[in-house]
Protein backbone atom coordinates (compact mmCIF):
# COMPACT_ATOMS: atom_id res chain seq x y z
CA UNK A 1 0.00 0.00 0.00
CA UNK A 2 1.45 3.31 -1.09
CA UNK A 3 1.21 6.36 1.12
CA UNK A 4 -1.01 9.13 -0.16
CA UNK A 5 -0.09 12.80 -0.07
CA UNK A 6 -2.42 13.16 2.91
CA UNK A 7 -0.73 10.26 4.72
CA UNK A 8 2.66 11.89 4.23
CA UNK A 9 1.36 15.28 5.35
CA UNK A 10 -0.32 13.76 8.43
CA UNK A 11 2.80 11.85 9.46
CA UNK A 12 4.96 14.96 8.97
CA UNK A 13 2.71 17.04 11.22
CA UNK A 14 2.44 14.26 13.80
CA UNK A 15 6.23 13.91 13.96
CA UNK A 16 6.54 17.66 14.38
CA UNK A 17 4.21 17.75 17.39
CA UNK A 18 4.94 14.41 19.03
CA UNK A 19 8.38 15.45 20.25
CA UNK A 20 7.46 18.30 22.54
CA UNK A 21 4.59 20.42 23.75
CA UNK A 22 6.36 23.59 22.64
CA UNK A 23 6.39 22.31 19.05
CA UNK A 24 2.67 21.57 19.29
CA UNK A 25 2.04 25.09 20.56
CA UNK A 26 4.05 26.56 17.66
CA UNK A 27 1.59 25.23 15.08
CA UNK A 28 -0.49 27.90 13.41
CA UNK A 29 -4.27 27.79 13.45
CA UNK A 30 -4.24 26.66 9.82
CA UNK A 31 -1.77 23.85 10.60
CA UNK A 32 -3.86 22.73 13.59
CA UNK A 33 -7.04 22.69 11.55
CA UNK A 34 -5.31 20.71 8.80
CA UNK A 35 -3.88 18.21 11.31
CA UNK A 36 -7.33 17.86 12.85
CA UNK A 37 -8.83 17.16 9.42
CA UNK A 38 -6.16 14.61 8.52
CA UNK A 39 -6.34 12.77 11.85
CA UNK A 40 -10.15 12.66 11.79
CA UNK A 41 -10.06 11.05 8.33
CA UNK A 42 -7.70 8.26 9.40
CA UNK A 43 -9.44 5.12 10.62
CA UNK A 44 -7.76 3.53 13.64
CA UNK A 45 -10.66 1.33 14.76
CA UNK A 46 -8.58 -1.78 14.06
CA UNK A 47 -6.03 -0.66 16.69
CA UNK A 48 -7.53 0.18 20.08
CA UNK A 49 -4.39 1.93 21.40
CA UNK A 50 -3.97 4.03 18.25
CA UNK A 51 -7.66 4.96 18.31
CA UNK A 52 -7.35 6.10 21.94
CA UNK A 53 -4.32 8.23 21.00
CA UNK A 54 -6.28 9.71 18.09
CA UNK A 55 -9.15 10.74 20.39
CA UNK A 56 -6.71 12.24 22.90
CA UNK A 57 -4.85 14.17 20.19
CA UNK A 58 -8.09 15.51 18.72
CA UNK A 59 -9.00 16.77 22.18
CA UNK A 60 -5.66 18.57 22.50
CA UNK A 61 -6.08 20.07 19.03
CA UNK A 62 -9.58 21.32 19.91
CA UNK A 63 -8.31 22.96 23.10
CA UNK A 64 -5.44 24.63 21.25
CA UNK A 65 -7.72 25.88 18.46
CA UNK A 66 -10.03 27.31 21.13
CA UNK A 67 -7.09 29.05 22.82
CA UNK A 68 -5.98 30.59 19.53
CA UNK A 69 -9.45 31.70 18.43
CA UNK A 70 -10.95 32.76 21.75
CA UNK A 71 -7.78 33.90 23.48
CA UNK A 72 -6.24 32.85 26.77
CA UNK A 73 -7.29 36.00 28.59
CA UNK A 74 -10.43 34.38 29.94
CA UNK A 75 -8.57 32.50 32.68
CA UNK A 76 -5.76 34.81 33.50
PDB file of N, CA and C in Angstrom:
ATOM      1  N   UNK A   1       0.845  -1.193   0.000  1.00  0.00           N
ATOM      2  CA  UNK A   1       0.000   0.000   0.000  1.00  0.00           C
ATOM      3  C   UNK A   1       0.881   1.245   0.000  1.00  0.00           C
ATOM      4  N   UNK A   2       0.680   2.091  -0.980  1.00  0.00           N
ATOM      5  CA  UNK A   2       1.454   3.314  -1.087  1.00  0.00           C
ATOM      6  C   UNK A   2       0.824   4.408  -0.247  1.00  0.00           C
ATOM      7  N   UNK A   3       1.686   5.238   0.321  1.00  0.00           N
ATOM      8  CA  UNK A   3       1.214   6.362   1.124  1.00  0.00           C
ATOM      9  C   UNK A   3       0.681   7.453   0.206  1.00  0.00           C
ATOM     10  N   UNK A   4      -0.440   8.022   0.602  1.00  0.00           N
ATOM     11  CA  UNK A   4      -1.006   9.130  -0.160  1.00  0.00           C
ATOM     12  C   UNK A   4      -0.346  10.429   0.277  1.00  0.00           C
ATOM     13  N   UNK A   5      -0.607  11.489  -0.468  1.00  0.00           N
ATOM     14  CA  UNK A   5      -0.090  12.800  -0.072  1.00  0.00           C
ATOM     15  C   UNK A   5      -0.599  13.180   1.313  1.00  0.00           C
ATOM     16  N   UNK A   6      -1.856  12.845   1.598  1.00  0.00           N
ATOM     17  CA  UNK A   6      -2.424  13.159   2.909  1.00  0.00           C
ATOM     18  C   UNK A   6      -1.753  12.350   4.011  1.00  0.00           C
ATOM     19  N   UNK A   7      -1.439  11.081   3.735  1.00  0.00           N
ATOM     20  CA  UNK A   7      -0.730  10.260   4.718  1.00  0.00           C
ATOM     21  C   UNK A   7       0.618  10.882   5.059  1.00  0.00           C
ATOM     22  N   UNK A   8       1.337  11.284   4.039  1.00  0.00           N
ATOM     23  CA  UNK A   8       2.660  11.887   4.227  1.00  0.00           C
ATOM     24  C   UNK A   8       2.544  13.186   5.017  1.00  0.00           C
ATOM     25  N   UNK A   9       1.570  14.011   4.661  1.00  0.00           N
ATOM     26  CA  UNK A   9       1.360  15.282   5.354  1.00  0.00           C
ATOM     27  C   UNK A   9       0.992  15.043   6.820  1.00  0.00           C
ATOM     28  N   UNK A  10       0.103  14.074   7.071  1.00  0.00           N
ATOM     29  CA  UNK A  10      -0.319  13.762   8.433  1.00  0.00           C
ATOM     30  C   UNK A  10       0.863  13.287   9.276  1.00  0.00           C
ATOM     31  N   UNK A  11       1.652  12.376   8.724  1.00  0.00           N
ATOM     32  CA  UNK A  11       2.804  11.850   9.455  1.00  0.00           C
ATOM     33  C   UNK A  11       3.812  12.962   9.742  1.00  0.00           C
ATOM     34  N   UNK A  12       4.022  13.836   8.779  1.00  0.00           N
ATOM     35  CA  UNK A  12       4.959  14.959   8.966  1.00  0.00           C
ATOM     36  C   UNK A  12       4.505  15.853  10.126  1.00  0.00           C
ATOM     37  N   UNK A  13       3.232  16.205  10.142  1.00  0.00           N
ATOM     38  CA  UNK A  13       2.707  17.042  11.217  1.00  0.00           C
ATOM     39  C   UNK A  13       2.741  16.311  12.556  1.00  0.00           C
ATOM     40  N   UNK A  14       2.415  15.036  12.552  1.00  0.00           N
ATOM     41  CA  UNK A  14       2.444  14.262  13.797  1.00  0.00           C
ATOM     42  C   UNK A  14       3.855  14.163  14.358  1.00  0.00           C
ATOM     43  N   UNK A  15       4.832  13.961  13.499  1.00  0.00           N
ATOM     44  CA  UNK A  15       6.228  13.909  13.956  1.00  0.00           C
ATOM     45  C   UNK A  15       6.647  15.249  14.541  1.00  0.00           C
ATOM     46  N   UNK A  16       6.185  16.312  13.917  1.00  0.00           N
ATOM     47  CA  UNK A  16       6.541  17.659  14.380  1.00  0.00           C
ATOM     48  C   UNK A  16       6.015  17.905  15.790  1.00  0.00           C
ATOM     49  N   UNK A  17       4.819  17.443  16.089  1.00  0.00           N
ATOM     50  CA  UNK A  17       4.205  17.751  17.386  1.00  0.00           C
ATOM     51  C   UNK A  17       4.437  16.684  18.440  1.00  0.00           C
ATOM     52  N   UNK A  18       4.822  15.483  18.053  1.00  0.00           N
ATOM     53  CA  UNK A  18       4.939  14.407  19.029  1.00  0.00           C
ATOM     54  C   UNK A  18       6.165  14.567  19.923  1.00  0.00           C
ATOM     55  N   UNK A  19       7.147  15.301  19.479  1.00  0.00           N
ATOM     56  CA  UNK A  19       8.378  15.450  20.247  1.00  0.00           C
ATOM     57  C   UNK A  19       8.254  16.299  21.488  1.00  0.00           C
ATOM     58  N   UNK A  20       7.540  17.412  21.385  1.00  0.00           N
ATOM     59  CA  UNK A  20       7.462  18.301  22.543  1.00  0.00           C
ATOM     60  C   UNK A  20       6.209  19.168  22.483  1.00  0.00           C
ATOM     61  N   UNK A  21       5.770  19.573  23.663  1.00  0.00           N
ATOM     62  CA  UNK A  21       4.588  20.418  23.750  1.00  0.00           C
ATOM     63  C   UNK A  21       4.844  21.781  23.108  1.00  0.00           C
ATOM     64  N   UNK A  22       6.073  22.271  23.225  1.00  0.00           N
ATOM     65  CA  UNK A  22       6.362  23.586  22.645  1.00  0.00           C
ATOM     66  C   UNK A  22       6.215  23.550  21.128  1.00  0.00           C
ATOM     67  N   UNK A  23       6.571  22.433  20.504  1.00  0.00           N
ATOM     68  CA  UNK A  23       6.393  22.308  19.054  1.00  0.00           C
ATOM     69  C   UNK A  23       4.910  22.287  18.702  1.00  0.00           C
ATOM     70  N   UNK A  24       4.120  21.601  19.504  1.00  0.00           N
ATOM     71  CA  UNK A  24       2.674  21.567  19.294  1.00  0.00           C
ATOM     72  C   UNK A  24       2.106  22.979  19.377  1.00  0.00           C
ATOM     73  N   UNK A  25       2.551  23.731  20.366  1.00  0.00           N
ATOM     74  CA  UNK A  25       2.043  25.091  20.561  1.00  0.00           C
ATOM     75  C   UNK A  25       2.519  26.066  19.490  1.00  0.00           C
ATOM     76  N   UNK A  26       3.538  25.701  18.735  1.00  0.00           N
ATOM     77  CA  UNK A  26       4.048  26.558  17.658  1.00  0.00           C
ATOM     78  C   UNK A  26       3.221  26.440  16.380  1.00  0.00           C
ATOM     79  N   UNK A  27       2.398  25.396  16.288  1.00  0.00           N
ATOM     80  CA  UNK A  27       1.590  25.233  15.080  1.00  0.00           C
ATOM     81  C   UNK A  27       0.619  26.397  14.924  1.00  0.00           C
ATOM     82  N   UNK A  28       0.465  26.825  13.689  1.00  0.00           N
ATOM     83  CA  UNK A  28      -0.490  27.899  13.410  1.00  0.00           C
ATOM     84  C   UNK A  28      -1.907  27.336  13.449  1.00  0.00           C
ATOM     85  N   UNK A  29      -2.872  28.208  13.472  1.00  0.00           N
ATOM     86  CA  UNK A  29      -4.273  27.795  13.453  1.00  0.00           C
ATOM     87  C   UNK A  29      -4.563  26.960  12.206  1.00  0.00           C
ATOM     88  N   UNK A  30      -4.028  27.380  11.070  1.00  0.00           N
ATOM     89  CA  UNK A  30      -4.240  26.657   9.816  1.00  0.00           C
ATOM     90  C   UNK A  30      -3.629  25.255   9.901  1.00  0.00           C
ATOM     91  N   UNK A  31      -2.423  25.149  10.452  1.00  0.00           N
ATOM     92  CA  UNK A  31      -1.773  23.848  10.597  1.00  0.00           C
ATOM     93  C   UNK A  31      -2.575  22.944  11.540  1.00  0.00           C
ATOM     94  N   UNK A  32      -3.065  23.508  12.638  1.00  0.00           N
ATOM     95  CA  UNK A  32      -3.862  22.735  13.590  1.00  0.00           C
ATOM     96  C   UNK A  32      -5.143  22.224  12.948  1.00  0.00           C
ATOM     97  N   UNK A  33      -5.797  23.093  12.207  1.00  0.00           N
ATOM     98  CA  UNK A  33      -7.037  22.693  11.545  1.00  0.00           C
ATOM     99  C   UNK A  33      -6.769  21.610  10.504  1.00  0.00           C
ATOM    100  N   UNK A  34      -5.655  21.716   9.798  1.00  0.00           N
ATOM    101  CA  UNK A  34      -5.307  20.705   8.804  1.00  0.00           C
ATOM    102  C   UNK A  34      -4.977  19.374   9.487  1.00  0.00           C
ATOM    103  N   UNK A  35      -4.209  19.426  10.570  1.00  0.00           N
ATOM    104  CA  UNK A  35      -3.880  18.213  11.313  1.00  0.00           C
ATOM    105  C   UNK A  35      -5.151  17.560  11.838  1.00  0.00           C
ATOM    106  N   UNK A  36      -6.055  18.372  12.348  1.00  0.00           N
ATOM    107  CA  UNK A  36      -7.332  17.860  12.847  1.00  0.00           C
ATOM    108  C   UNK A  36      -8.081  17.132  11.720  1.00  0.00           C
ATOM    109  N   UNK A  37      -8.137  17.749  10.573  1.00  0.00           N
ATOM    110  CA  UNK A  37      -8.829  17.162   9.423  1.00  0.00           C
ATOM    111  C   UNK A  37      -8.187  15.830   9.011  1.00  0.00           C
ATOM    112  N   UNK A  38      -6.861  15.814   8.942  1.00  0.00           N
ATOM    113  CA  UNK A  38      -6.157  14.609   8.516  1.00  0.00           C
ATOM    114  C   UNK A  38      -6.302  13.470   9.520  1.00  0.00           C
ATOM    115  N   UNK A  39      -6.227  13.798  10.810  1.00  0.00           N
ATOM    116  CA  UNK A  39      -6.337  12.773  11.852  1.00  0.00           C
ATOM    117  C   UNK A  39      -7.766  12.229  11.903  1.00  0.00           C
ATOM    118  N   UNK A  40      -8.746  13.110  11.760  1.00  0.00           N
ATOM    119  CA  UNK A  40     -10.147  12.657  11.792  1.00  0.00           C
ATOM    120  C   UNK A  40     -10.439  11.682  10.647  1.00  0.00           C
ATOM    121  N   UNK A  41      -9.828  11.903   9.492  1.00  0.00           N
ATOM    122  CA  UNK A  41     -10.060  11.047   8.332  1.00  0.00           C
ATOM    123  C   UNK A  41      -9.485   9.646   8.507  1.00  0.00           C
ATOM    124  N   UNK A  42      -8.408   9.538   9.278  1.00  0.00           N
ATOM    125  CA  UNK A  42      -7.703   8.262   9.405  1.00  0.00           C
ATOM    126  C   UNK A  42      -8.472   7.326  10.328  1.00  0.00           C
ATOM    127  N   UNK A  43      -8.691   6.109   9.852  1.00  0.00           N
ATOM    128  CA  UNK A  43      -9.438   5.118  10.617  1.00  0.00           C
ATOM    129  C   UNK A  43      -8.481   4.242  11.431  1.00  0.00           C
ATOM    130  N   UNK A  44      -8.606   4.328  12.749  1.00  0.00           N
ATOM    131  CA  UNK A  44      -7.763   3.533  13.635  1.00  0.00           C
ATOM    132  C   UNK A  44      -8.588   2.521  14.428  1.00  0.00           C
ATOM    133  N   UNK A  45      -9.794   2.212  13.986  1.00  0.00           N
ATOM    134  CA  UNK A  45     -10.663   1.327  14.756  1.00  0.00           C
ATOM    135  C   UNK A  45     -10.091  -0.087  14.887  1.00  0.00           C
ATOM    136  N   UNK A  46      -9.204  -0.458  13.989  1.00  0.00           N
ATOM    137  CA  UNK A  46      -8.584  -1.781  14.065  1.00  0.00           C
ATOM    138  C   UNK A  46      -7.531  -1.872  15.164  1.00  0.00           C
ATOM    139  N   UNK A  47      -7.081  -0.714  15.676  1.00  0.00           N
ATOM    140  CA  UNK A  47      -6.031  -0.661  16.693  1.00  0.00           C
ATOM    141  C   UNK A  47      -6.532   0.169  17.867  1.00  0.00           C
ATOM    142  N   UNK A  48      -6.909  -0.494  18.934  1.00  0.00           N
ATOM    143  CA  UNK A  48      -7.529   0.180  20.078  1.00  0.00           C
ATOM    144  C   UNK A  48      -6.624   1.263  20.677  1.00  0.00           C
ATOM    145  N   UNK A  49      -5.339   0.963  20.816  1.00  0.00           N
ATOM    146  CA  UNK A  49      -4.394   1.926  21.397  1.00  0.00           C
ATOM    147  C   UNK A  49      -4.228   3.158  20.495  1.00  0.00           C
ATOM    148  N   UNK A  50      -4.110   2.921  19.200  1.00  0.00           N
ATOM    149  CA  UNK A  50      -3.967   4.030  18.252  1.00  0.00           C
ATOM    150  C   UNK A  50      -5.235   4.872  18.226  1.00  0.00           C
ATOM    151  N   UNK A  51      -6.395   4.222  18.301  1.00  0.00           N
ATOM    152  CA  UNK A  51      -7.659   4.956  18.311  1.00  0.00           C
ATOM    153  C   UNK A  51      -7.757   5.844  19.556  1.00  0.00           C
ATOM    154  N   UNK A  52      -7.329   5.315  20.697  1.00  0.00           N
ATOM    155  CA  UNK A  52      -7.346   6.096  21.943  1.00  0.00           C
ATOM    156  C   UNK A  52      -6.419   7.308  21.821  1.00  0.00           C
ATOM    157  N   UNK A  53      -5.253   7.121  21.216  1.00  0.00           N
ATOM    158  CA  UNK A  53      -4.324   8.228  20.996  1.00  0.00           C
ATOM    159  C   UNK A  53      -4.919   9.268  20.057  1.00  0.00           C
ATOM    160  N   UNK A  54      -5.629   8.808  19.040  1.00  0.00           N
ATOM    161  CA  UNK A  54      -6.284   9.705  18.093  1.00  0.00           C
ATOM    162  C   UNK A  54      -7.290  10.593  18.816  1.00  0.00           C
ATOM    163  N   UNK A  55      -8.129   9.994  19.653  1.00  0.00           N
ATOM    164  CA  UNK A  55      -9.146  10.742  20.391  1.00  0.00           C
ATOM    165  C   UNK A  55      -8.487  11.762  21.323  1.00  0.00           C
ATOM    166  N   UNK A  56      -7.427  11.346  21.992  1.00  0.00           N
ATOM    167  CA  UNK A  56      -6.708  12.239  22.905  1.00  0.00           C
ATOM    168  C   UNK A  56      -6.089  13.416  22.143  1.00  0.00           C
ATOM    169  N   UNK A  57      -5.466  13.119  20.998  1.00  0.00           N
ATOM    170  CA  UNK A  57      -4.851  14.170  20.195  1.00  0.00           C
ATOM    171  C   UNK A  57      -5.901  15.144  19.668  1.00  0.00           C
ATOM    172  N   UNK A  58      -7.025  14.623  19.211  1.00  0.00           N
ATOM    173  CA  UNK A  58      -8.092  15.513  18.721  1.00  0.00           C
ATOM    174  C   UNK A  58      -8.580  16.431  19.834  1.00  0.00           C
ATOM    175  N   UNK A  59      -8.626  15.930  21.050  1.00  0.00           N
ATOM    176  CA  UNK A  59      -9.001  16.770  22.185  1.00  0.00           C
ATOM    177  C   UNK A  59      -8.002  17.888  22.404  1.00  0.00           C
ATOM    178  N   UNK A  60      -6.709  17.554  22.348  1.00  0.00           N
ATOM    179  CA  UNK A  60      -5.660  18.573  22.503  1.00  0.00           C
ATOM    180  C   UNK A  60      -5.740  19.608  21.395  1.00  0.00           C
ATOM    181  N   UNK A  61      -5.981  19.152  20.177  1.00  0.00           N
ATOM    182  CA  UNK A  61      -6.080  20.071  19.035  1.00  0.00           C
ATOM    183  C   UNK A  61      -7.258  21.013  19.240  1.00  0.00           C
ATOM    184  N   UNK A  62      -8.392  20.481  19.675  1.00  0.00           N
ATOM    185  CA  UNK A  62      -9.576  21.318  19.906  1.00  0.00           C
ATOM    186  C   UNK A  62      -9.313  22.378  20.966  1.00  0.00           C
ATOM    187  N   UNK A  63      -8.635  22.000  22.039  1.00  0.00           N
ATOM    188  CA  UNK A  63      -8.308  22.962  23.100  1.00  0.00           C
ATOM    189  C   UNK A  63      -7.406  24.054  22.552  1.00  0.00           C
ATOM    190  N   UNK A  64      -6.389  23.664  21.794  1.00  0.00           N
ATOM    191  CA  UNK A  64      -5.438  24.635  21.250  1.00  0.00           C
ATOM    192  C   UNK A  64      -6.124  25.567  20.242  1.00  0.00           C
ATOM    193  N   UNK A  65      -6.982  25.034  19.408  1.00  0.00           N
ATOM    194  CA  UNK A  65      -7.723  25.881  18.461  1.00  0.00           C
ATOM    195  C   UNK A  65      -8.584  26.876  19.236  1.00  0.00           C
ATOM    196  N   UNK A  66      -9.218  26.418  20.299  1.00  0.00           N
ATOM    197  CA  UNK A  66     -10.029  27.315  21.125  1.00  0.00           C
ATOM    198  C   UNK A  66      -9.160  28.419  21.718  1.00  0.00           C
ATOM    199  N   UNK A  67      -7.988  28.043  22.237  1.00  0.00           N
ATOM    200  CA  UNK A  67      -7.086  29.045  22.817  1.00  0.00           C
ATOM    201  C   UNK A  67      -6.699  30.096  21.789  1.00  0.00           C
ATOM    202  N   UNK A  68      -6.415  29.652  20.571  1.00  0.00           N
ATOM    203  CA  UNK A  68      -5.984  30.586  19.534  1.00  0.00           C
ATOM    204  C   UNK A  68      -7.123  31.469  19.027  1.00  0.00           C
ATOM    205  N   UNK A  69      -8.340  30.922  18.985  1.00  0.00           N
ATOM    206  CA  UNK A  69      -9.446  31.702  18.427  1.00  0.00           C
ATOM    207  C   UNK A  69     -10.157  32.534  19.482  1.00  0.00           C
ATOM    208  N   UNK A  70     -10.231  32.049  20.711  1.00  0.00           N
ATOM    209  CA  UNK A  70     -10.949  32.756  21.754  1.00  0.00           C
ATOM    210  C   UNK A  70     -10.024  33.533  22.691  1.00  0.00           C
ATOM    211  N   UNK A  71      -8.741  33.229  22.642  1.00  0.00           N
ATOM    212  CA  UNK A  71      -7.777  33.899  23.477  1.00  0.00           C
ATOM    213  C   UNK A  71      -7.657  33.250  24.842  1.00  0.00           C
ATOM    214  N   UNK A  72      -6.495  33.436  25.457  1.00  0.00           N
ATOM    215  CA  UNK A  72      -6.238  32.850  26.766  1.00  0.00           C
ATOM    216  C   UNK A  72      -6.645  33.784  27.888  1.00  0.00           C
ATOM    217  N   UNK A  73      -6.995  35.001  27.585  1.00  0.00           N
ATOM    218  CA  UNK A  73      -7.289  36.005  28.592  1.00  0.00           C
ATOM    219  C   UNK A  73      -8.448  35.668  29.516  1.00  0.00           C
ATOM    220  N   UNK A  74      -9.250  34.728  29.141  1.00  0.00           N
ATOM    221  CA  UNK A  74     -10.430  34.382  29.937  1.00  0.00           C
ATOM    222  C   UNK A  74     -10.031  33.880  31.319  1.00  0.00           C
ATOM    223  N   UNK A  75      -8.941  33.110  31.398  1.00  0.00           N
ATOM    224  CA  UNK A  75      -8.569  32.496  32.683  1.00  0.00           C
ATOM    225  C   UNK A  75      -7.410  33.202  33.364  1.00  0.00           C
ATOM    226  N   UNK A  76      -6.869  34.193  32.781  1.00  0.00           N
ATOM    227  CA  UNK A  76      -5.760  34.806  33.504  1.00  0.00           C
ATOM    228  C   UNK A  76      -4.990  35.672  32.701  1.00  0.00           C
TER     229      UNK A  76
END
